[in-house]
Every structure is written in structure tokens, then in C-alpha cells.
Amino acid sequence: MKVYCPECAGCFDGEPGALVRCPHCMVEEKKTEAPKKDSPEGWRVECERAVFHANVLLRLAKIPGGVGSAIAEMIRTAPRSVKETKEIPVTSLFGRMILEAHRLSPKDELFHSAVEYFEKHLSAMAPKRRAMLEASVTGAMMGFVMG
């Protein structure tokens, strides 16, 4: 039976009274849900993801408060390529925090999510974009500490 969407007046097959989403409206929702990668909103989300995952590792390593400079340093010292993820120097803050977080919370889902973010997303980021991310996060974190 033909059903009409009350939002867009589109017609589709369905049963009257059944809870069914309009396929036309769902397509439009998908187009508008995610911000474009280089839009201000998309860039804010990118920076927030990096800060969130760095803060997770610091918290799991029992570093209190997620100090802004530590978050910025975690992102700065994280591996810059997929090859570097295999050889993380234990002298870097990132290397020490990964080891400590793994020692204290090896089965924590947030730990695995953070490691995956740094291994697959941040290490694969283009160098210029990565430099811009580091500068943005450092500026925001330093402004947060000073403000």
C-alpha cells in the first residue's frame, strides 16, 4: 500500500499506521548529518576527537586532570606514520603514557578506542593537516590554561 510522508509528502510502499521512516527524508538526513571535513564545524570535531583520545590515555595512565600541555604534547609526540606506530619511542610522553595506560587498563574499551584513533587516524593524517591540528590543539589548550 502507498504511504505518504507527512514531512516531505513523498510516496513510498508501507503499511498505514506502522512506524516506518520515509526513505526520501532519511537520504536528506544522511547528507546533512556529518559536517564537511574542512568546514569550521568539521575542524572543531577533528580537534575534539584528538583531545578526547589523548585525555583518555592520560586518565587511564592515572595522570590527574588531563592538563592542557600534556594533551598537546601527547598529540605532538604521537606516531606520524603507520610505520612509526610499530616503533613508538618509550622516551616520548606518548610512549610512556601508552605503556602506563596499557599496564593499568589493558582491557578497557576506551583504551582500545584511543589506540585505534592514534594508530589508524592520526598517524595516517597528511603532514600539513597534522601540523595544523597540533597548532590548533596547542593554542586551544594553552588558552584554556591561561583563561
Protein backbone atom coordinates (compact mmCIF):
# COMPACT_ATOMS: atom_id res chain seq x y z
CA MET A 1 0.00 0.00 0.00
CA LYS A 2 1.21 3.53 -0.73
CA VAL A 3 2.07 5.68 2.28
CA TYR A 4 2.72 9.43 2.23
CA CYS A 5 5.37 11.10 4.38
CA PRO A 6 3.95 13.95 6.50
CA GLU A 7 7.25 15.86 6.26
CA CYS A 8 8.08 15.79 2.55
CA ALA A 9 4.83 14.39 1.08
CA GLY A 10 6.88 11.69 -0.63
CA CYS A 11 5.15 8.45 -1.51
CA PHE A 12 6.58 5.00 -0.70
CA ASP A 13 5.44 1.44 -0.02
CA GLY A 14 4.49 0.67 3.54
CA GLU A 15 1.71 -0.19 5.91
CA PRO A 16 -0.57 2.52 7.27
CA GLY A 17 -0.02 3.04 10.99
CA ALA A 18 3.35 1.27 11.02
CA LEU A 19 6.39 3.15 12.27
CA VAL A 20 8.44 3.48 9.09
CA ARG A 21 10.88 6.25 8.20
CA CYS A 22 10.48 7.91 4.84
CA PRO A 23 13.37 6.85 2.58
CA HIS A 24 13.46 10.32 0.98
CA CYS A 25 13.84 12.09 4.33
CA MET A 26 16.46 9.58 5.52
CA VAL A 27 18.62 10.30 2.47
CA GLU A 28 18.42 14.04 3.18
CA GLU A 29 19.31 13.44 6.86
CA LYS A 30 22.42 11.50 5.86
CA LYS A 31 23.51 14.33 3.60
CA THR A 32 23.27 16.92 6.37
CA GLU A 33 24.36 14.90 9.43
CA ALA A 34 28.14 14.92 9.12
CA PRO A 35 29.91 18.26 8.77
CA LYS A 36 32.31 18.65 5.87
CA LYS A 37 35.87 17.74 6.80
CA ASP A 38 37.27 21.23 6.21
CA SER A 39 34.33 23.26 7.50
CA PRO A 40 34.76 25.08 10.82
CA GLU A 41 32.39 22.58 12.45
CA GLY A 42 34.26 19.63 10.91
CA TRP A 43 37.59 21.04 12.09
CA ARG A 44 36.23 21.54 15.63
CA VAL A 45 35.10 17.90 15.67
CA GLU A 46 38.55 16.79 14.43
CA CYS A 47 40.29 18.72 17.23
CA GLU A 48 37.85 17.44 19.85
CA ARG A 49 38.47 13.84 18.79
CA ALA A 50 42.22 14.26 19.18
CA VAL A 51 41.86 15.91 22.59
CA PHE A 52 39.35 13.31 23.78
CA HIS A 53 41.58 10.35 22.91
CA ALA A 54 44.72 11.96 24.35
CA ASN A 55 42.81 12.72 27.54
CA VAL A 56 41.59 9.09 27.73
CA LEU A 57 45.18 7.83 27.67
CA LEU A 58 46.26 10.34 30.31
CA ARG A 59 43.32 9.43 32.55
CA LEU A 60 43.95 5.68 32.17
CA ALA A 61 47.64 6.27 32.97
CA LYS A 62 46.44 7.97 36.18
CA ILE A 63 47.62 11.45 35.19
CA PRO A 64 45.11 13.65 37.02
CA GLY A 65 43.15 16.40 35.38
CA GLY A 66 44.25 15.99 31.76
CA VAL A 67 46.49 19.06 31.86
CA GLY A 68 46.28 21.04 28.62
CA SER A 69 50.02 20.98 27.97
CA ALA A 70 50.11 17.18 28.47
CA ILE A 71 47.26 16.73 25.99
CA ALA A 72 49.03 18.92 23.42
CA GLU A 73 52.30 17.02 23.98
CA MET A 74 50.55 13.65 23.63
CA ILE A 75 49.24 14.66 20.22
CA ARG A 76 52.59 16.20 19.19
CA THR A 77 54.61 13.08 20.12
CA ALA A 78 52.15 10.53 18.69
CA PRO A 79 53.37 8.50 15.69
CA ARG A 80 53.37 10.41 12.39
CA SER A 81 53.09 7.40 10.09
CA VAL A 82 51.79 3.85 10.16
CA LYS A 83 55.42 2.65 10.18
CA GLU A 84 56.16 4.69 13.32
CA THR A 85 53.26 3.03 15.18
CA LYS A 86 55.33 -0.16 15.31
CA GLU A 87 58.32 1.63 16.91
CA ILE A 88 56.96 4.13 19.43
CA PRO A 89 59.88 5.57 21.44
CA VAL A 90 59.41 4.95 25.16
CA THR A 91 61.23 8.22 25.85
CA SER A 92 58.34 10.27 24.46
CA LEU A 93 55.40 11.29 26.60
CA PHE A 94 53.10 9.43 24.21
CA GLY A 95 55.13 6.21 24.53
CA ARG A 96 55.25 6.39 28.33
CA MET A 97 51.51 7.09 28.60
CA ILE A 98 50.59 4.25 26.23
CA LEU A 99 52.67 1.80 28.26
CA GLU A 100 51.28 3.01 31.58
CA ALA A 101 47.66 3.07 30.35
CA HIS A 102 48.11 -0.45 28.95
CA ARG A 103 49.64 -1.64 32.21
CA LEU A 104 46.79 -0.23 34.31
CA SER A 105 43.82 -0.80 31.96
CA PRO A 106 44.68 -3.33 29.22
CA LYS A 107 41.08 -4.43 28.66
CA ASP A 108 39.38 -1.02 28.86
CA GLU A 109 37.35 -0.29 25.70
CA LEU A 110 38.31 3.39 25.83
CA PHE A 111 41.98 2.39 25.81
CA HIS A 112 41.49 0.35 22.65
CA SER A 113 39.46 3.13 21.05
CA ALA A 114 42.19 5.69 21.80
CA VAL A 115 44.95 3.42 20.49
CA GLU A 116 42.94 2.80 17.32
CA TYR A 117 42.45 6.55 16.83
CA PHE A 118 46.19 7.25 17.13
CA GLU A 119 47.23 4.19 15.08
CA LYS A 120 44.78 4.47 12.21
CA HIS A 121 43.55 8.04 12.04
CA LEU A 122 46.17 10.41 13.39
CA SER A 123 49.19 8.53 12.02
CA ALA A 124 47.61 8.47 8.55
CA MET A 125 46.83 12.22 8.56
CA ALA A 126 48.57 14.32 5.93
CA PRO A 127 51.59 16.21 7.38
CA LYS A 128 50.19 19.71 6.77
CA ARG A 129 46.82 18.78 8.28
CA ARG A 130 48.56 17.14 11.24
CA ALA A 131 50.66 20.28 11.82
CA MET A 132 47.51 22.40 11.70
CA LEU A 133 45.79 20.05 14.18
CA GLU A 134 48.73 20.23 16.58
CA ALA A 135 48.81 24.03 16.37
CA SER A 136 45.05 24.31 16.88
CA VAL A 137 45.00 21.96 19.86
CA THR A 138 48.08 23.57 21.43
CA GLY A 139 46.60 27.04 21.03
CA ALA A 140 43.26 25.96 22.47
CA MET A 141 44.84 24.09 25.38
CA MET A 142 47.19 26.94 26.25
CA GLY A 143 44.33 29.44 26.02
CA PHE A 144 42.24 27.18 28.25
CA VAL A 145 45.01 27.00 30.87
CA MET A 146 45.68 30.76 30.79
CA GLY A 147 41.99 31.78 30.64
